């Protein structure tokens, strides 16, 4: 069984259609001055908040409220989840966060463990199966403003986390109004294989960022970690396998990857109205894996022809299609 998919009307200019260009644009450093200028209202209103996730875990969030900007009551609050080795300061979060903030939403940008400037907050290392702390963070954020409808938006691994949080929301007693996952990781084993087989650009990008993150973790916890052997591995697969063996309780790489897959029956408990937006030309998340999702009434899928991985950019210097689509989804 699988979720029903429908085609959306994302039609970028011909010169913007290449899937690798679409995949690179959202995080391209050259865009930071433009996006930061556009998001200056969100940035100015944002305040740091160490979110108590339970079990001694703390995650750093940046909260921008309508009240802090001297405006009227918020129409809801939206939690934004970045992708792997992104952060609350990732350009795509700033971009959509500003659109939501201007439309009257409180915006909470959460750093996952060991992402952004947070390597010192929690001793144990980040991995993608640390769902309980993200559930705890969302629950605590909901308690911050219990009268406001709470929605989640996640990109890539963040979309995967958002949907897994949604699947646990009923059991955890978290009233979530809506979830939108943009190009969420569906089957991590397939995505890892795609990264290994695909253009070296993506593989080297993630290797560079992961190695840098591990060095920051090592510096934050002197005497606790020595990642010399781990960062010396030559591929994402061997690095991940070594991380799993040395720093998790999973018996092997396969068990670890299956642990955060959302294909099969993983989303069967999902009751929160949820939407996946994904492109047919995503170089990291094969759209064919949509057929492996369980069919549940709460989940809908939007499949576009173009968009790459978390791209959906149809113009430069202004809010892209994905920002407008996400705003329409939450404001509707």
C-alpha atoms as a PDB file:
ATOM      1  CA  UNK A   1       0.000   0.000   0.000  1.00  0.00           C
ATOM      2  CA  UNK A   2       1.158   3.544  -0.564  1.00  0.00           C
ATOM      3  CA  UNK A   3       0.134   7.162  -0.152  1.00  0.00           C
ATOM      4  CA  UNK A   4      -1.739   8.747  -3.012  1.00  0.00           C
ATOM      5  CA  UNK A   5       0.430  11.158  -5.008  1.00  0.00           C
ATOM      6  CA  UNK A   6      -0.695  14.196  -6.940  1.00  0.00           C
ATOM      7  CA  UNK A   7       1.252  16.451  -9.269  1.00  0.00           C
ATOM      8  CA  UNK A   8       1.803  20.090  -8.325  1.00  0.00           C
ATOM      9  CA  UNK A   9       2.369  23.064 -10.590  1.00  0.00           C
ATOM     10  CA  UNK A  10       5.984  23.902  -9.787  1.00  0.00           C
ATOM     11  CA  UNK A  11       7.326  25.089 -13.146  1.00  0.00           C
ATOM     12  CA  UNK A  12      10.679  26.884 -12.840  1.00  0.00           C
ATOM     13  CA  UNK A  13      12.236  28.799 -15.741  1.00  0.00           C
ATOM     14  CA  UNK A  14      14.073  26.515 -18.141  1.00  0.00           C
ATOM     15  CA  UNK A  15      17.485  27.718 -16.960  1.00  0.00           C
ATOM     16  CA  UNK A  16      16.594  26.761 -13.374  1.00  0.00           C
ATOM     17  CA  UNK A  17      15.280  23.259 -14.053  1.00  0.00           C
ATOM     18  CA  UNK A  18      18.423  21.156 -13.681  1.00  0.00           C
ATOM     19  CA  UNK A  19      18.084  18.932 -10.634  1.00  0.00           C
ATOM     20  CA  UNK A  20      21.604  19.551  -9.355  1.00  0.00           C
ATOM     21  CA  UNK A  21      21.208  23.328  -9.623  1.00  0.00           C
ATOM     22  CA  UNK A  22      17.922  23.071  -7.733  1.00  0.00           C
ATOM     23  CA  UNK A  23      19.592  20.933  -5.047  1.00  0.00           C
ATOM     24  CA  UNK A  24      22.530  23.302  -4.543  1.00  0.00           C
ATOM     25  CA  UNK A  25      20.716  26.653  -4.612  1.00  0.00           C
ATOM     26  CA  UNK A  26      18.928  26.481  -1.220  1.00  0.00           C
ATOM     27  CA  UNK A  27      22.239  26.275   0.689  1.00  0.00           C
ATOM     28  CA  UNK A  28      24.520  28.186  -1.682  1.00  0.00           C
ATOM     29  CA  UNK A  29      26.693  30.520   0.459  1.00  0.00           C
ATOM     30  CA  UNK A  30      26.542  33.227  -2.206  1.00  0.00           C
ATOM     31  CA  UNK A  31      22.832  33.592  -1.431  1.00  0.00           C
ATOM     32  CA  UNK A  32      23.335  34.307   2.272  1.00  0.00           C
ATOM     33  CA  UNK A  33      23.476  38.133   1.998  1.00  0.00           C
ATOM     34  CA  UNK A  34      20.250  38.224  -0.031  1.00  0.00           C
ATOM     35  CA  UNK A  35      18.365  35.745   2.155  1.00  0.00           C
ATOM     36  CA  UNK A  36      19.637  37.325   5.371  1.00  0.00           C
ATOM     37  CA  UNK A  37      18.439  40.747   4.244  1.00  0.00           C
ATOM     38  CA  UNK A  38      15.044  39.333   3.395  1.00  0.00           C
ATOM     39  CA  UNK A  39      14.882  37.538   6.754  1.00  0.00           C
ATOM     40  CA  UNK A  40      16.096  40.423   8.897  1.00  0.00           C
ATOM     41  CA  UNK A  41      12.721  40.725  10.625  1.00  0.00           C
ATOM     42  CA  UNK A  42      12.794  37.068  11.669  1.00  0.00           C
ATOM     43  CA  UNK A  43      16.436  37.275  12.738  1.00  0.00           C
ATOM     44  CA  UNK A  44      15.904  40.443  14.777  1.00  0.00           C
ATOM     45  CA  UNK A  45      12.910  38.946  16.597  1.00  0.00           C
ATOM     46  CA  UNK A  46      14.552  35.584  17.340  1.00  0.00           C
ATOM     47  CA  UNK A  47      15.573  34.743  20.895  1.00  0.00           C
ATOM     48  CA  UNK A  48      17.582  31.730  22.076  1.00  0.00           C
ATOM     49  CA  UNK A  49      15.789  29.088  24.104  1.00  0.00           C
ATOM     50  CA  UNK A  50      17.353  25.970  25.615  1.00  0.00           C
ATOM     51  CA  UNK A  51      14.511  23.502  25.260  1.00  0.00           C
ATOM     52  CA  UNK A  52      14.229  20.840  27.969  1.00  0.00           C
ATOM     53  CA  UNK A  53      13.586  17.623  26.042  1.00  0.00           C
ATOM     54  CA  UNK A  54      13.536  15.300  29.055  1.00  0.00           C
ATOM     55  CA  UNK A  55      16.189  12.826  30.259  1.00  0.00           C
ATOM     56  CA  UNK A  56      18.651  15.687  30.699  1.00  0.00           C
ATOM     57  CA  UNK A  57      18.753  16.514  26.982  1.00  0.00           C
ATOM     58  CA  UNK A  58      18.667  20.138  25.859  1.00  0.00           C
ATOM     59  CA  UNK A  59      18.280  21.433  22.320  1.00  0.00           C
ATOM     60  CA  UNK A  60      18.857  25.023  21.261  1.00  0.00           C
ATOM     61  CA  UNK A  61      15.935  26.729  19.546  1.00  0.00           C
ATOM     62  CA  UNK A  62      15.562  30.216  18.100  1.00  0.00           C
ATOM     63  CA  UNK A  63      12.089  31.604  18.764  1.00  0.00           C
ATOM     64  CA  UNK A  64      10.580  34.571  16.931  1.00  0.00           C
ATOM     65  CA  UNK A  65       7.185  35.621  18.269  1.00  0.00           C
ATOM     66  CA  UNK A  66       4.709  38.157  16.977  1.00  0.00           C
ATOM     67  CA  UNK A  67       4.737  39.700  20.447  1.00  0.00           C
ATOM     68  CA  UNK A  68       8.510  40.256  20.281  1.00  0.00           C
ATOM     69  CA  UNK A  69       7.958  42.203  17.061  1.00  0.00           C
ATOM     70  CA  UNK A  70       5.251  44.361  18.648  1.00  0.00           C
ATOM     71  CA  UNK A  71       2.467  42.814  16.607  1.00  0.00           C
ATOM     72  CA  UNK A  72      -0.927  41.380  17.393  1.00  0.00           C
ATOM     73  CA  UNK A  73      -1.671  37.815  18.477  1.00  0.00           C
ATOM     74  CA  UNK A  74      -0.031  35.031  16.472  1.00  0.00           C
ATOM     75  CA  UNK A  75      -2.196  32.848  14.241  1.00  0.00           C
ATOM     76  CA  UNK A  76      -0.173  29.749  15.166  1.00  0.00           C
ATOM     77  CA  UNK A  77       3.333  28.538  15.847  1.00  0.00           C
ATOM     78  CA  UNK A  78       5.489  26.587  13.425  1.00  0.00           C
ATOM     79  CA  UNK A  79       8.487  24.437  14.301  1.00  0.00           C
ATOM     80  CA  UNK A  80      11.112  24.237  11.552  1.00  0.00           C
ATOM     81  CA  UNK A  81      13.472  21.236  11.326  1.00  0.00           C
ATOM     82  CA  UNK A  82      16.636  21.493   9.212  1.00  0.00           C
ATOM     83  CA  UNK A  83      18.380  18.695   7.332  1.00  0.00           C
ATOM     84  CA  UNK A  84      21.443  16.669   8.310  1.00  0.00           C
ATOM     85  CA  UNK A  85      24.428  18.937   9.051  1.00  0.00           C
ATOM     86  CA  UNK A  86      22.217  21.983   8.584  1.00  0.00           C
ATOM     87  CA  UNK A  87      21.178  24.248  11.441  1.00  0.00           C
ATOM     88  CA  UNK A  88      18.616  26.774  12.596  1.00  0.00           C
ATOM     89  CA  UNK A  89      20.610  29.261  10.544  1.00  0.00           C
ATOM     90  CA  UNK A  90      20.353  27.339   7.270  1.00  0.00           C
ATOM     91  CA  UNK A  91      19.285  29.574   4.415  1.00  0.00           C
ATOM     92  CA  UNK A  92      16.199  27.541   3.536  1.00  0.00           C
ATOM     93  CA  UNK A  93      14.952  27.826   7.150  1.00  0.00           C
ATOM     94  CA  UNK A  94      15.587  31.565   7.234  1.00  0.00           C
ATOM     95  CA  UNK A  95      13.739  31.963   3.946  1.00  0.00           C
ATOM     96  CA  UNK A  96      10.581  30.052   4.828  1.00  0.00           C
ATOM     97  CA  UNK A  97      10.760  31.258   8.431  1.00  0.00           C
ATOM     98  CA  UNK A  98      10.594  34.866   7.295  1.00  0.00           C
ATOM     99  CA  UNK A  99       7.601  34.144   5.048  1.00  0.00           C
ATOM    100  CA  UNK A 100       5.758  32.505   7.944  1.00  0.00           C
ATOM    101  CA  UNK A 101       6.748  35.201  10.413  1.00  0.00           C
ATOM    102  CA  UNK A 102       5.543  37.979   8.129  1.00  0.00           C
ATOM    103  CA  UNK A 103       2.248  36.103   7.716  1.00  0.00           C
ATOM    104  CA  UNK A 104       1.627  36.202  11.469  1.00  0.00           C
ATOM    105  CA  UNK A 105       3.065  32.917  12.765  1.00  0.00           C
ATOM    106  CA  UNK A 106       5.429  32.448  15.670  1.00  0.00           C
ATOM    107  CA  UNK A 107       8.454  30.607  14.279  1.00  0.00           C
ATOM    108  CA  UNK A 108      10.634  28.171  16.232  1.00  0.00           C
ATOM    109  CA  UNK A 109      13.831  27.024  14.511  1.00  0.00           C
ATOM    110  CA  UNK A 110      15.280  24.012  16.345  1.00  0.00           C
ATOM    111  CA  UNK A 111      18.867  22.784  16.145  1.00  0.00           C
ATOM    112  CA  UNK A 112      19.169  19.026  16.345  1.00  0.00           C
ATOM    113  CA  UNK A 113      21.787  17.715  18.785  1.00  0.00           C
ATOM    114  CA  UNK A 114      25.332  18.578  17.607  1.00  0.00           C
ATOM    115  CA  UNK A 115      24.054  20.911  14.895  1.00  0.00           C
ATOM    116  CA  UNK A 116      24.721  24.626  14.855  1.00  0.00           C
ATOM    117  CA  UNK A 117      26.627  25.879  17.936  1.00  0.00           C
ATOM    118  CA  UNK A 118      25.375  23.088  20.215  1.00  0.00           C
ATOM    119  CA  UNK A 119      28.081  20.427  20.443  1.00  0.00           C
ATOM    120  CA  UNK A 120      28.679  21.291  24.085  1.00  0.00           C
ATOM    121  CA  UNK A 121      25.078  20.864  25.250  1.00  0.00           C
ATOM    122  CA  UNK A 122      24.785  17.062  25.324  1.00  0.00           C
ATOM    123  CA  UNK A 123      27.601  14.588  25.893  1.00  0.00           C
ATOM    124  CA  UNK A 124      26.374  11.721  23.710  1.00  0.00           C
ATOM    125  CA  UNK A 125      26.792  11.953  19.953  1.00  0.00           C
ATOM    126  CA  UNK A 126      23.983  12.796  17.525  1.00  0.00           C
ATOM    127  CA  UNK A 127      22.534  10.087  15.362  1.00  0.00           C
ATOM    128  CA  UNK A 128      19.347   9.902  13.333  1.00  0.00           C
ATOM    129  CA  UNK A 129      17.510   7.547  15.683  1.00  0.00           C
ATOM    130  CA  UNK A 130      17.447  10.054  18.547  1.00  0.00           C
ATOM    131  CA  UNK A 131      13.730  10.570  18.072  1.00  0.00           C
ATOM    132  CA  UNK A 132      12.712  10.759  21.735  1.00  0.00           C
ATOM    133  CA  UNK A 133      14.464  14.075  22.293  1.00  0.00           C
ATOM    134  CA  UNK A 134      12.852  15.636  19.229  1.00  0.00           C
ATOM    135  CA  UNK A 135       9.441  14.425  20.411  1.00  0.00           C
ATOM    136  CA  UNK A 136      10.275  15.941  23.802  1.00  0.00           C
ATOM    137  CA  UNK A 137      11.299  19.235  22.217  1.00  0.00           C
ATOM    138  CA  UNK A 138       8.092  19.485  20.170  1.00  0.00           C
ATOM    139  CA  UNK A 139       6.020  18.698  23.263  1.00  0.00           C
ATOM    140  CA  UNK A 140       7.792  21.438  25.246  1.00  0.00           C
ATOM    141  CA  UNK A 141       7.369  23.924  22.386  1.00  0.00           C
ATOM    142  CA  UNK A 142       3.673  23.115  22.323  1.00  0.00           C
ATOM    143  CA  UNK A 143       3.460  23.878  26.030  1.00  0.00           C
ATOM    144  CA  UNK A 144       5.037  27.275  25.398  1.00  0.00           C
ATOM    145  CA  UNK A 145       1.859  28.539  23.759  1.00  0.00           C
ATOM    146  CA  UNK A 146      -0.818  25.868  24.240  1.00  0.00           C
ATOM    147  CA  UNK A 147      -3.595  27.933  22.666  1.00  0.00           C
ATOM    148  CA  UNK A 148      -1.788  28.338  19.354  1.00  0.00           C
ATOM    149  CA  UNK A 149      -2.136  25.658  16.656  1.00  0.00           C
ATOM    150  CA  UNK A 150       1.208  23.859  16.384  1.00  0.00           C
ATOM    151  CA  UNK A 151       2.597  22.811  12.999  1.00  0.00           C
ATOM    152  CA  UNK A 152       5.853  21.179  11.906  1.00  0.00           C
ATOM    153  CA  UNK A 153       7.852  21.734   8.725  1.00  0.00           C
ATOM    154  CA  UNK A 154      10.953  19.676   8.010  1.00  0.00           C
ATOM    155  CA  UNK A 155      13.455  19.428   5.191  1.00  0.00           C
ATOM    156  CA  UNK A 156      15.233  16.185   4.207  1.00  0.00           C
ATOM    157  CA  UNK A 157      16.264  14.465   7.472  1.00  0.00           C
ATOM    158  CA  UNK A 158      14.228  17.132   9.265  1.00  0.00           C
ATOM    159  CA  UNK A 159      11.183  16.065   7.270  1.00  0.00           C
ATOM    160  CA  UNK A 160      11.849  12.477   8.261  1.00  0.00           C
ATOM    161  CA  UNK A 161      11.996  13.508  11.924  1.00  0.00           C
ATOM    162  CA  UNK A 162       8.819  15.597  11.604  1.00  0.00           C
ATOM    163  CA  UNK A 163       6.832  12.665  10.224  1.00  0.00           C
ATOM    164  CA  UNK A 164       8.166  10.302  12.886  1.00  0.00           C
ATOM    165  CA  UNK A 165       7.200  12.833  15.563  1.00  0.00           C
ATOM    166  CA  UNK A 166       3.750  12.951  13.984  1.00  0.00           C
ATOM    167  CA  UNK A 167       3.464   9.174  14.158  1.00  0.00           C
ATOM    168  CA  UNK A 168       4.089   9.381  17.910  1.00  0.00           C
ATOM    169  CA  UNK A 169       2.049  12.518  18.556  1.00  0.00           C
ATOM    170  CA  UNK A 170      -1.129  10.783  19.685  1.00  0.00           C
ATOM    171  CA  UNK A 171       0.698   8.465  22.075  1.00  0.00           C
ATOM    172  CA  UNK A 172       2.800  11.351  23.401  1.00  0.00           C
ATOM    173  CA  UNK A 173      -0.225  13.599  23.851  1.00  0.00           C
ATOM    174  CA  UNK A 174       1.072  16.322  21.517  1.00  0.00           C
ATOM    175  CA  UNK A 175      -1.698  18.217  19.672  1.00  0.00           C
ATOM    176  CA  UNK A 176      -0.121  18.900  16.265  1.00  0.00           C
ATOM    177  CA  UNK A 177      -2.309  20.636  13.700  1.00  0.00           C
ATOM    178  CA  UNK A 178      -0.313  19.914  10.537  1.00  0.00           C
ATOM    179  CA  UNK A 179       2.999  18.550   9.235  1.00  0.00           C
ATOM    180  CA  UNK A 180       4.720  19.242   5.929  1.00  0.00           C
ATOM    181  CA  UNK A 181       7.859  17.282   5.017  1.00  0.00           C
ATOM    182  CA  UNK A 182       9.926  18.543   2.086  1.00  0.00           C
ATOM    183  CA  UNK A 183      11.918  15.763   0.404  1.00  0.00           C
ATOM    184  CA  UNK A 184      12.037  13.667   3.580  1.00  0.00           C
ATOM    185  CA  UNK A 185      14.465  10.769   3.819  1.00  0.00           C
ATOM    186  CA  UNK A 186      12.264   7.744   3.105  1.00  0.00           C
ATOM    187  CA  UNK A 187      14.651   4.781   3.190  1.00  0.00           C
ATOM    188  CA  UNK A 188      18.053   5.811   4.605  1.00  0.00           C
ATOM    189  CA  UNK A 189      19.787   2.802   3.045  1.00  0.00           C
ATOM    190  CA  UNK A 190      18.612   3.870  -0.414  1.00  0.00           C
ATOM    191  CA  UNK A 191      19.621   7.484   0.199  1.00  0.00           C
ATOM    192  CA  UNK A 192      23.069   6.456   1.431  1.00  0.00           C
ATOM    193  CA  UNK A 193      23.569   4.325  -1.679  1.00  0.00           C
ATOM    194  CA  UNK A 194      22.418   7.205  -3.886  1.00  0.00           C
ATOM    195  CA  UNK A 195      24.934   9.535  -2.257  1.00  0.00           C
ATOM    196  CA  UNK A 196      27.732   7.030  -2.759  1.00  0.00           C
ATOM    197  CA  UNK A 197      26.849   6.442  -6.425  1.00  0.00           C
ATOM    198  CA  UNK A 198      25.937  10.012  -7.306  1.00  0.00           C
ATOM    199  CA  UNK A 199      28.023  13.100  -8.060  1.00  0.00           C
ATOM    200  CA  UNK A 200      31.003  13.507  -5.739  1.00  0.00           C
ATOM    201  CA  UNK A 201      29.815  17.051  -4.945  1.00  0.00           C
ATOM    202  CA  UNK A 202      27.141  15.842  -2.521  1.00  0.00           C
ATOM    203  CA  UNK A 203      29.257  13.127  -0.966  1.00  0.00           C
ATOM    204  CA  UNK A 204      32.214  15.434  -0.353  1.00  0.00           C
ATOM    205  CA  UNK A 205      29.911  18.157   0.990  1.00  0.00           C
ATOM    206  CA  UNK A 206      28.479  15.874   3.659  1.00  0.00           C
ATOM    207  CA  UNK A 207      31.857  14.330   4.472  1.00  0.00           C
ATOM    208  CA  UNK A 208      33.350  17.794   4.963  1.00  0.00           C
ATOM    209  CA  UNK A 209      30.523  18.994   7.180  1.00  0.00           C
ATOM    210  CA  UNK A 210      30.328  15.789   9.221  1.00  0.00           C
ATOM    211  CA  UNK A 211      34.082  15.716   9.839  1.00  0.00           C
ATOM    212  CA  UNK A 212      33.977  19.365  10.929  1.00  0.00           C
ATOM    213  CA  UNK A 213      31.088  18.599  13.273  1.00  0.00           C
ATOM    214  CA  UNK A 214      32.954  15.671  14.827  1.00  0.00           C
ATOM    215  CA  UNK A 215      35.994  17.848  15.449  1.00  0.00           C
ATOM    216  CA  UNK A 216      33.768  20.403  17.199  1.00  0.00           C
ATOM    217  CA  UNK A 217      32.292  17.638  19.341  1.00  0.00           C
ATOM    218  CA  UNK A 218      35.750  16.393  20.203  1.00  0.00           C
ATOM    219  CA  UNK A 219      36.834  19.904  21.245  1.00  0.00           C
ATOM    220  CA  UNK A 220      33.675  20.438  23.297  1.00  0.00           C
ATOM    221  CA  UNK A 221      34.253  17.242  25.316  1.00  0.00           C
ATOM    222  CA  UNK A 222      38.029  16.983  25.819  1.00  0.00           C
ATOM    223  CA  UNK A 223      39.122  13.532  26.881  1.00  0.00           C
ATOM    224  CA  UNK A 224      35.736  12.045  26.031  1.00  0.00           C
ATOM    225  CA  UNK A 225      36.150  11.563  22.283  1.00  0.00           C
ATOM    226  CA  UNK A 226      38.896  10.767  19.818  1.00  0.00           C
ATOM    227  CA  UNK A 227      37.476  10.740  16.300  1.00  0.00           C
ATOM    228  CA  UNK A 228      40.811  10.338  14.501  1.00  0.00           C
ATOM    229  CA  UNK A 229      39.916   6.934  13.070  1.00  0.00           C
ATOM    230  CA  UNK A 230      36.318   7.887  12.319  1.00  0.00           C
ATOM    231  CA  UNK A 231      37.140  11.021  10.330  1.00  0.00           C
ATOM    232  CA  UNK A 232      39.824   9.056   8.491  1.00  0.00           C
ATOM    233  CA  UNK A 233      37.217   6.836   6.814  1.00  0.00           C
ATOM    234  CA  UNK A 234      36.912   7.543   3.103  1.00  0.00           C
ATOM    235  CA  UNK A 235      33.190   7.150   2.468  1.00  0.00           C
ATOM    236  CA  UNK A 236      29.875   8.028   4.082  1.00  0.00           C
ATOM    237  CA  UNK A 237      29.043   4.322   4.318  1.00  0.00           C
ATOM    238  CA  UNK A 238      32.193   3.339   6.168  1.00  0.00           C
ATOM    239  CA  UNK A 239      32.010   6.409   8.408  1.00  0.00           C
ATOM    240  CA  UNK A 240      28.408   5.677   9.297  1.00  0.00           C
ATOM    241  CA  UNK A 241      29.108   2.000   9.914  1.00  0.00           C
ATOM    242  CA  UNK A 242      31.986   2.878  12.228  1.00  0.00           C
ATOM    243  CA  UNK A 243      29.904   5.471  14.071  1.00  0.00           C
ATOM    244  CA  UNK A 244      27.132   2.906  14.560  1.00  0.00           C
ATOM    245  CA  UNK A 245      29.558   0.264  15.854  1.00  0.00           C
ATOM    246  CA  UNK A 246      31.416   2.550  18.247  1.00  0.00           C
ATOM    247  CA  UNK A 247      28.796   5.043  19.443  1.00  0.00           C
ATOM    248  CA  UNK A 248      25.357   3.396  19.268  1.00  0.00           C
ATOM    249  CA  UNK A 249      23.681   0.261  20.569  1.00  0.00           C
ATOM    250  CA  UNK A 250      22.611  -0.905  17.108  1.00  0.00           C
ATOM    251  CA  UNK A 251      24.090  -4.272  16.092  1.00  0.00           C
ATOM    252  CA  UNK A 252      25.061  -3.132  12.605  1.00  0.00           C
ATOM    253  CA  UNK A 253      24.633  -0.479   9.926  1.00  0.00           C
ATOM    254  CA  UNK A 254      21.535  -2.110   8.431  1.00  0.00           C
ATOM    255  CA  UNK A 255      19.681  -2.124  11.738  1.00  0.00           C
ATOM    256  CA  UNK A 256      20.584   1.513  12.325  1.00  0.00           C
ATOM    257  CA  UNK A 257      19.353   2.620   8.886  1.00  0.00           C
ATOM    258  CA  UNK A 258      16.126   0.645   9.248  1.00  0.00           C
ATOM    259  CA  UNK A 259      15.600   2.314  12.606  1.00  0.00           C
ATOM    260  CA  UNK A 260      14.714   5.666  11.076  1.00  0.00           C
ATOM    261  CA  UNK A 261      13.206   4.562   7.765  1.00  0.00           C
ATOM    262  CA  UNK A 262       9.635   5.724   7.225  1.00  0.00           C
ATOM    263  CA  UNK A 263       8.772   3.244   4.460  1.00  0.00           C
ATOM    264  CA  UNK A 264       6.720   0.159   5.256  1.00  0.00           C
ATOM    265  CA  UNK A 265       4.453   0.441   8.287  1.00  0.00           C
ATOM    266  CA  UNK A 266       6.447   3.134  10.116  1.00  0.00           C
ATOM    267  CA  UNK A 267       3.824   5.837   9.536  1.00  0.00           C
ATOM    268  CA  UNK A 268       0.810   3.606  10.205  1.00  0.00           C
ATOM    269  CA  UNK A 269       0.057   5.401  13.526  1.00  0.00           C
ATOM    270  CA  UNK A 270       0.073   8.816  11.813  1.00  0.00           C
ATOM    271  CA  UNK A 271      -3.111  10.764  12.562  1.00  0.00           C
ATOM    272  CA  UNK A 272      -1.840  14.330  12.117  1.00  0.00           C
ATOM    273  CA  UNK A 273      -2.800  15.812   8.717  1.00  0.00           C
ATOM    274  CA  UNK A 274       0.525  15.536   6.896  1.00  0.00           C
ATOM    275  CA  UNK A 275       1.869  16.283   3.442  1.00  0.00           C
ATOM    276  CA  UNK A 276       5.044  15.218   1.687  1.00  0.00           C
ATOM    277  CA  UNK A 277       6.379  17.447  -1.089  1.00  0.00           C
ATOM    278  CA  UNK A 278       8.980  15.694  -3.227  1.00  0.00           C
ATOM    279  CA  UNK A 279      10.338  15.914  -6.760  1.00  0.00           C
ATOM    280  CA  UNK A 280      10.751  13.199  -9.372  1.00  0.00           C
ATOM    281  CA  UNK A 281      14.310  14.376 -10.067  1.00  0.00           C
ATOM    282  CA  UNK A 282      15.573  14.379  -6.469  1.00  0.00           C
ATOM    283  CA  UNK A 283      19.142  12.980  -6.688  1.00  0.00           C
ATOM    284  CA  UNK A 284      19.099  11.744  -3.069  1.00  0.00           C
ATOM    285  CA  UNK A 285      15.532  10.579  -2.376  1.00  0.00           C
ATOM    286  CA  UNK A 286      14.227   8.357  -5.202  1.00  0.00           C
ATOM    287  CA  UNK A 287      10.542   9.118  -5.750  1.00  0.00           C
ATOM    288  CA  UNK A 288       9.986   5.421  -6.521  1.00  0.00           C
ATOM    289  CA  UNK A 289      10.179   4.775  -2.769  1.00  0.00           C
ATOM    290  CA  UNK A 290       6.892   6.636  -2.328  1.00  0.00           C
ATOM    291  CA  UNK A 291       5.218   3.378  -3.366  1.00  0.00           C
ATOM    292  CA  UNK A 292       6.610   1.805  -0.197  1.00  0.00           C
ATOM    293  CA  UNK A 293       4.806   4.199   2.152  1.00  0.00           C
ATOM    294  CA  UNK A 294       1.841   2.866   4.052  1.00  0.00           C
ATOM    295  CA  UNK A 295      -1.454   4.375   2.944  1.00  0.00           C
ATOM    296  CA  UNK A 296      -3.027   6.313   5.803  1.00  0.00           C
ATOM    297  CA  UNK A 297      -5.844   8.878   5.506  1.00  0.00           C
ATOM    298  CA  UNK A 298      -3.769  11.568   7.201  1.00  0.00           C
ATOM    299  CA  UNK A 299      -0.945  11.504   4.635  1.00  0.00           C
ATOM    300  CA  UNK A 300      -0.925  13.097   1.194  1.00  0.00           C
ATOM    301  CA  UNK A 301       1.934  13.338  -1.291  1.00  0.00           C
ATOM    302  CA  UNK A 302       2.714  16.085  -3.775  1.00  0.00           C
ATOM    303  CA  UNK A 303       5.050  14.968  -6.540  1.00  0.00           C
ATOM    304  CA  UNK A 304       6.611  17.556  -8.845  1.00  0.00           C
ATOM    305  CA  UNK A 305       8.531  16.983 -12.056  1.00  0.00           C
ATOM    306  CA  UNK A 306      11.322  19.396 -11.103  1.00  0.00           C
ATOM    307  CA  UNK A 307      12.760  20.635  -7.832  1.00  0.00           C
ATOM    308  CA  UNK A 308      15.823  18.537  -7.068  1.00  0.00           C
ATOM    309  CA  UNK A 309      16.489  17.897  -3.387  1.00  0.00           C
ATOM    310  CA  UNK A 310      14.737  20.522  -1.243  1.00  0.00           C
ATOM    311  CA  UNK A 311      15.034  23.064  -4.058  1.00  0.00           C
ATOM    312  CA  UNK A 312      11.768  24.218  -5.638  1.00  0.00           C
ATOM    313  CA  UNK A 313      13.330  27.580  -6.512  1.00  0.00           C
ATOM    314  CA  UNK A 314      11.570  29.415  -9.333  1.00  0.00           C
ATOM    315  CA  UNK A 315      13.090  32.852  -8.837  1.00  0.00           C
ATOM    316  CA  UNK A 316      16.111  34.457  -7.212  1.00  0.00           C
ATOM    317  CA  UNK A 317      16.053  37.382  -4.793  1.00  0.00           C
ATOM    318  CA  UNK A 318      12.468  36.702  -3.715  1.00  0.00           C
ATOM    319  CA  UNK A 319      10.603  33.985  -1.796  1.00  0.00           C
ATOM    320  CA  UNK A 320      10.708  30.792  -3.903  1.00  0.00           C
ATOM    321  CA  UNK A 321       7.816  28.480  -4.772  1.00  0.00           C
ATOM    322  CA  UNK A 322       8.429  26.204  -1.793  1.00  0.00           C
ATOM    323  CA  UNK A 323       8.063  29.097   0.672  1.00  0.00           C
ATOM    324  CA  UNK A 324       4.834  30.220  -0.964  1.00  0.00           C
ATOM    325  CA  UNK A 325       3.506  26.658  -1.067  1.00  0.00           C
ATOM    326  CA  UNK A 326       4.309  26.013   2.590  1.00  0.00           C
ATOM    327  CA  UNK A 327       2.699  29.294   3.614  1.00  0.00           C
ATOM    328  CA  UNK A 328      -0.423  28.486   1.615  1.00  0.00           C
ATOM    329  CA  UNK A 329      -0.602  25.041   3.222  1.00  0.00           C
ATOM    330  CA  UNK A 330      -0.414  26.397   6.776  1.00  0.00           C
ATOM    331  CA  UNK A 331      -2.491  29.520   6.195  1.00  0.00           C
ATOM    332  CA  UNK A 332      -5.269  27.716   4.351  1.00  0.00           C
END
